[in-house]
Amino acid sequence: MEIIKSKQGIIPVIVLSEITSMTCKRRGIEEAKIRYFTLLRSGLDIVPIDKDVAYQAGILKCKYPNVPMGDCIIAVVAKKYNAKVLTDDPHFDEIKEVKKEWI
């Protein structure tokens, strides 16, 4: 993937939780562990959630009540870093404040 090759992408820390959880459910704990450590070693910046991100995500959730909180957090982090959200999640269609790229 071009983003990993260029090492110019970001990963909101909540994505680590989401990918770990989804992988564990579908493929088991060992595969989840492998994917988690693969993300850590990807060279992409893993960005934290601070109090401003938490507040802005809460406002976004209020504006878009059908969008899960995790997606609101991801959207706020993307906006903060002027980044696109790479996704296959249709919830991001609702959020007009961020740029999206479908994978």
C-alpha atoms as a PDB file:
ATOM      1  CA  MET A   1       0.000   0.000   0.000  1.00  0.00           C
ATOM      2  CA  GLU A   2       1.354   3.414  -1.011  1.00  0.00           C
ATOM      3  CA  ILE A   3       0.784   5.019   2.392  1.00  0.00           C
ATOM      4  CA  ILE A   4       2.886   2.427   4.165  1.00  0.00           C
ATOM      5  CA  LYS A   5       5.611   2.643   1.523  1.00  0.00           C
ATOM      6  CA  SER A   6       5.761   6.436   1.859  1.00  0.00           C
ATOM      7  CA  LYS A   7       5.370   6.299   5.669  1.00  0.00           C
ATOM      8  CA  GLN A   8       3.254   9.457   5.519  1.00  0.00           C
ATOM      9  CA  GLY A   9       0.023   8.216   7.054  1.00  0.00           C
ATOM     10  CA  ILE A  10      -1.334   8.353  10.564  1.00  0.00           C
ATOM     11  CA  ILE A  11      -3.183   5.810  12.643  1.00  0.00           C
ATOM     12  CA  PRO A  12      -5.501   7.129  15.351  1.00  0.00           C
ATOM     13  CA  VAL A  13      -4.812   5.003  18.419  1.00  0.00           C
ATOM     14  CA  ILE A  14      -8.448   3.859  18.516  1.00  0.00           C
ATOM     15  CA  VAL A  15      -7.865   2.107  15.163  1.00  0.00           C
ATOM     16  CA  LEU A  16      -5.457  -0.238  16.953  1.00  0.00           C
ATOM     17  CA  SER A  17      -8.317  -1.276  19.235  1.00  0.00           C
ATOM     18  CA  GLU A  18     -10.810  -1.629  16.411  1.00  0.00           C
ATOM     19  CA  ILE A  19      -8.538  -3.706  14.180  1.00  0.00           C
ATOM     20  CA  THR A  20      -7.450  -5.880  17.097  1.00  0.00           C
ATOM     21  CA  SER A  21     -11.054  -6.511  18.120  1.00  0.00           C
ATOM     22  CA  MET A  22     -12.344  -7.227  14.600  1.00  0.00           C
ATOM     23  CA  THR A  23      -9.420  -9.500  13.769  1.00  0.00           C
ATOM     24  CA  CYS A  24      -9.762 -11.384  17.043  1.00  0.00           C
ATOM     25  CA  LYS A  25     -13.467 -12.029  16.399  1.00  0.00           C
ATOM     26  CA  ARG A  26     -12.889 -13.190  12.819  1.00  0.00           C
ATOM     27  CA  ARG A  27      -9.490 -14.904  12.982  1.00  0.00           C
ATOM     28  CA  GLY A  28      -8.517 -15.368  16.620  1.00  0.00           C
ATOM     29  CA  ILE A  29      -6.167 -13.850  19.162  1.00  0.00           C
ATOM     30  CA  GLU A  30      -2.921 -14.846  17.471  1.00  0.00           C
ATOM     31  CA  GLU A  31      -3.847 -13.194  14.172  1.00  0.00           C
ATOM     32  CA  ALA A  32      -5.025 -10.126  16.101  1.00  0.00           C
ATOM     33  CA  LYS A  33      -1.647  -9.922  17.807  1.00  0.00           C
ATOM     34  CA  ILE A  34       0.159 -10.203  14.467  1.00  0.00           C
ATOM     35  CA  ARG A  35      -1.906  -7.404  12.916  1.00  0.00           C
ATOM     36  CA  TYR A  36      -1.443  -5.190  15.972  1.00  0.00           C
ATOM     37  CA  PHE A  37       2.346  -5.515  15.868  1.00  0.00           C
ATOM     38  CA  THR A  38       2.329  -5.102  12.085  1.00  0.00           C
ATOM     39  CA  LEU A  39       0.623  -1.746  12.521  1.00  0.00           C
ATOM     40  CA  LEU A  40       3.100  -0.737  15.223  1.00  0.00           C
ATOM     41  CA  ARG A  41       6.007  -1.549  12.886  1.00  0.00           C
ATOM     42  CA  SER A  42       4.400   0.026   9.810  1.00  0.00           C
ATOM     43  CA  GLY A  43       6.290   3.287  10.176  1.00  0.00           C
ATOM     44  CA  LEU A  44       3.045   5.243  10.274  1.00  0.00           C
ATOM     45  CA  ASP A  45       2.543   7.725  13.115  1.00  0.00           C
ATOM     46  CA  ILE A  46       0.184   6.470  15.794  1.00  0.00           C
ATOM     47  CA  VAL A  47      -1.584   9.522  17.169  1.00  0.00           C
ATOM     48  CA  PRO A  48      -3.230   9.781  20.583  1.00  0.00           C
ATOM     49  CA  ILE A  49      -6.658  10.988  21.516  1.00  0.00           C
ATOM     50  CA  ASP A  50      -6.434  14.130  23.625  1.00  0.00           C
ATOM     51  CA  LYS A  51      -9.122  16.108  25.411  1.00  0.00           C
ATOM     52  CA  ASP A  52      -9.742  18.344  22.374  1.00  0.00           C
ATOM     53  CA  VAL A  53     -10.230  15.317  20.113  1.00  0.00           C
ATOM     54  CA  ALA A  54     -12.580  13.803  22.709  1.00  0.00           C
ATOM     55  CA  TYR A  55     -14.643  17.002  22.850  1.00  0.00           C
ATOM     56  CA  GLN A  56     -14.799  17.423  19.075  1.00  0.00           C
ATOM     57  CA  ALA A  57     -15.753  13.754  18.634  1.00  0.00           C
ATOM     58  CA  GLY A  58     -18.577  14.243  21.124  1.00  0.00           C
ATOM     59  CA  ILE A  59     -19.854  17.220  19.119  1.00  0.00           C
ATOM     60  CA  LEU A  60     -19.569  15.215  15.890  1.00  0.00           C
ATOM     61  CA  LYS A  61     -21.473  12.315  17.491  1.00  0.00           C
ATOM     62  CA  CYS A  62     -24.220  14.746  18.486  1.00  0.00           C
ATOM     63  CA  LYS A  63     -24.370  16.029  14.902  1.00  0.00           C
ATOM     64  CA  TYR A  64     -24.329  12.502  13.419  1.00  0.00           C
ATOM     65  CA  PRO A  65     -26.078  10.241  15.983  1.00  0.00           C
ATOM     66  CA  ASN A  66     -26.010   7.162  13.711  1.00  0.00           C
ATOM     67  CA  VAL A  67     -22.216   7.235  13.389  1.00  0.00           C
ATOM     68  CA  PRO A  68     -20.342   5.160  16.006  1.00  0.00           C
ATOM     69  CA  MET A  69     -18.176   7.103  18.453  1.00  0.00           C
ATOM     70  CA  GLY A  70     -15.022   5.367  17.188  1.00  0.00           C
ATOM     71  CA  ASP A  71     -15.703   6.662  13.687  1.00  0.00           C
ATOM     72  CA  CYS A  72     -16.307  10.155  15.076  1.00  0.00           C
ATOM     73  CA  ILE A  73     -12.917  10.010  16.814  1.00  0.00           C
ATOM     74  CA  ILE A  74     -11.226   8.837  13.614  1.00  0.00           C
ATOM     75  CA  ALA A  75     -12.900  11.650  11.658  1.00  0.00           C
ATOM     76  CA  VAL A  76     -11.763  14.300  14.138  1.00  0.00           C
ATOM     77  CA  VAL A  77      -8.180  13.008  14.102  1.00  0.00           C
ATOM     78  CA  ALA A  78      -8.209  13.010  10.280  1.00  0.00           C
ATOM     79  CA  LYS A  79      -9.472  16.585  10.222  1.00  0.00           C
ATOM     80  CA  LYS A  80      -6.923  17.676  12.827  1.00  0.00           C
ATOM     81  CA  TYR A  81      -4.052  16.294  10.723  1.00  0.00           C
ATOM     82  CA  ASN A  82      -5.632  17.289   7.382  1.00  0.00           C
ATOM     83  CA  ALA A  83      -5.646  13.630   6.374  1.00  0.00           C
ATOM     84  CA  LYS A  84      -8.016  11.456   4.379  1.00  0.00           C
ATOM     85  CA  VAL A  85      -9.810   8.564   6.018  1.00  0.00           C
ATOM     86  CA  LEU A  86      -9.070   5.327   4.182  1.00  0.00           C
ATOM     87  CA  THR A  87     -12.138   3.212   4.749  1.00  0.00           C
ATOM     88  CA  ASP A  88     -14.732   0.780   3.536  1.00  0.00           C
ATOM     89  CA  ASP A  89     -17.134   1.894   6.283  1.00  0.00           C
ATOM     90  CA  PRO A  90     -20.304   3.562   4.949  1.00  0.00           C
ATOM     91  CA  HIS A  91     -20.677   5.586   8.165  1.00  0.00           C
ATOM     92  CA  PHE A  92     -18.055   7.953   6.794  1.00  0.00           C
ATOM     93  CA  ASP A  93     -20.447   8.889   3.973  1.00  0.00           C
ATOM     94  CA  GLU A  94     -22.480  10.767   6.565  1.00  0.00           C
ATOM     95  CA  ILE A  95     -19.590  12.829   7.909  1.00  0.00           C
ATOM     96  CA  LYS A  96     -19.166  15.799   5.594  1.00  0.00           C
ATOM     97  CA  GLU A  97     -16.257  17.331   7.538  1.00  0.00           C
ATOM     98  CA  VAL A  98     -13.603  14.848   6.375  1.00  0.00           C
ATOM     99  CA  LYS A  99     -12.082  13.698   3.118  1.00  0.00           C
ATOM    100  CA  LYS A 100     -12.469  10.002   2.397  1.00  0.00           C
ATOM    101  CA  GLU A 101     -10.819   7.482   0.150  1.00  0.00           C
ATOM    102  CA  TRP A 102     -12.541   4.155  -0.319  1.00  0.00           C
ATOM    103  CA  ILE A 103     -10.497   0.985  -0.067  1.00  0.00           C
END
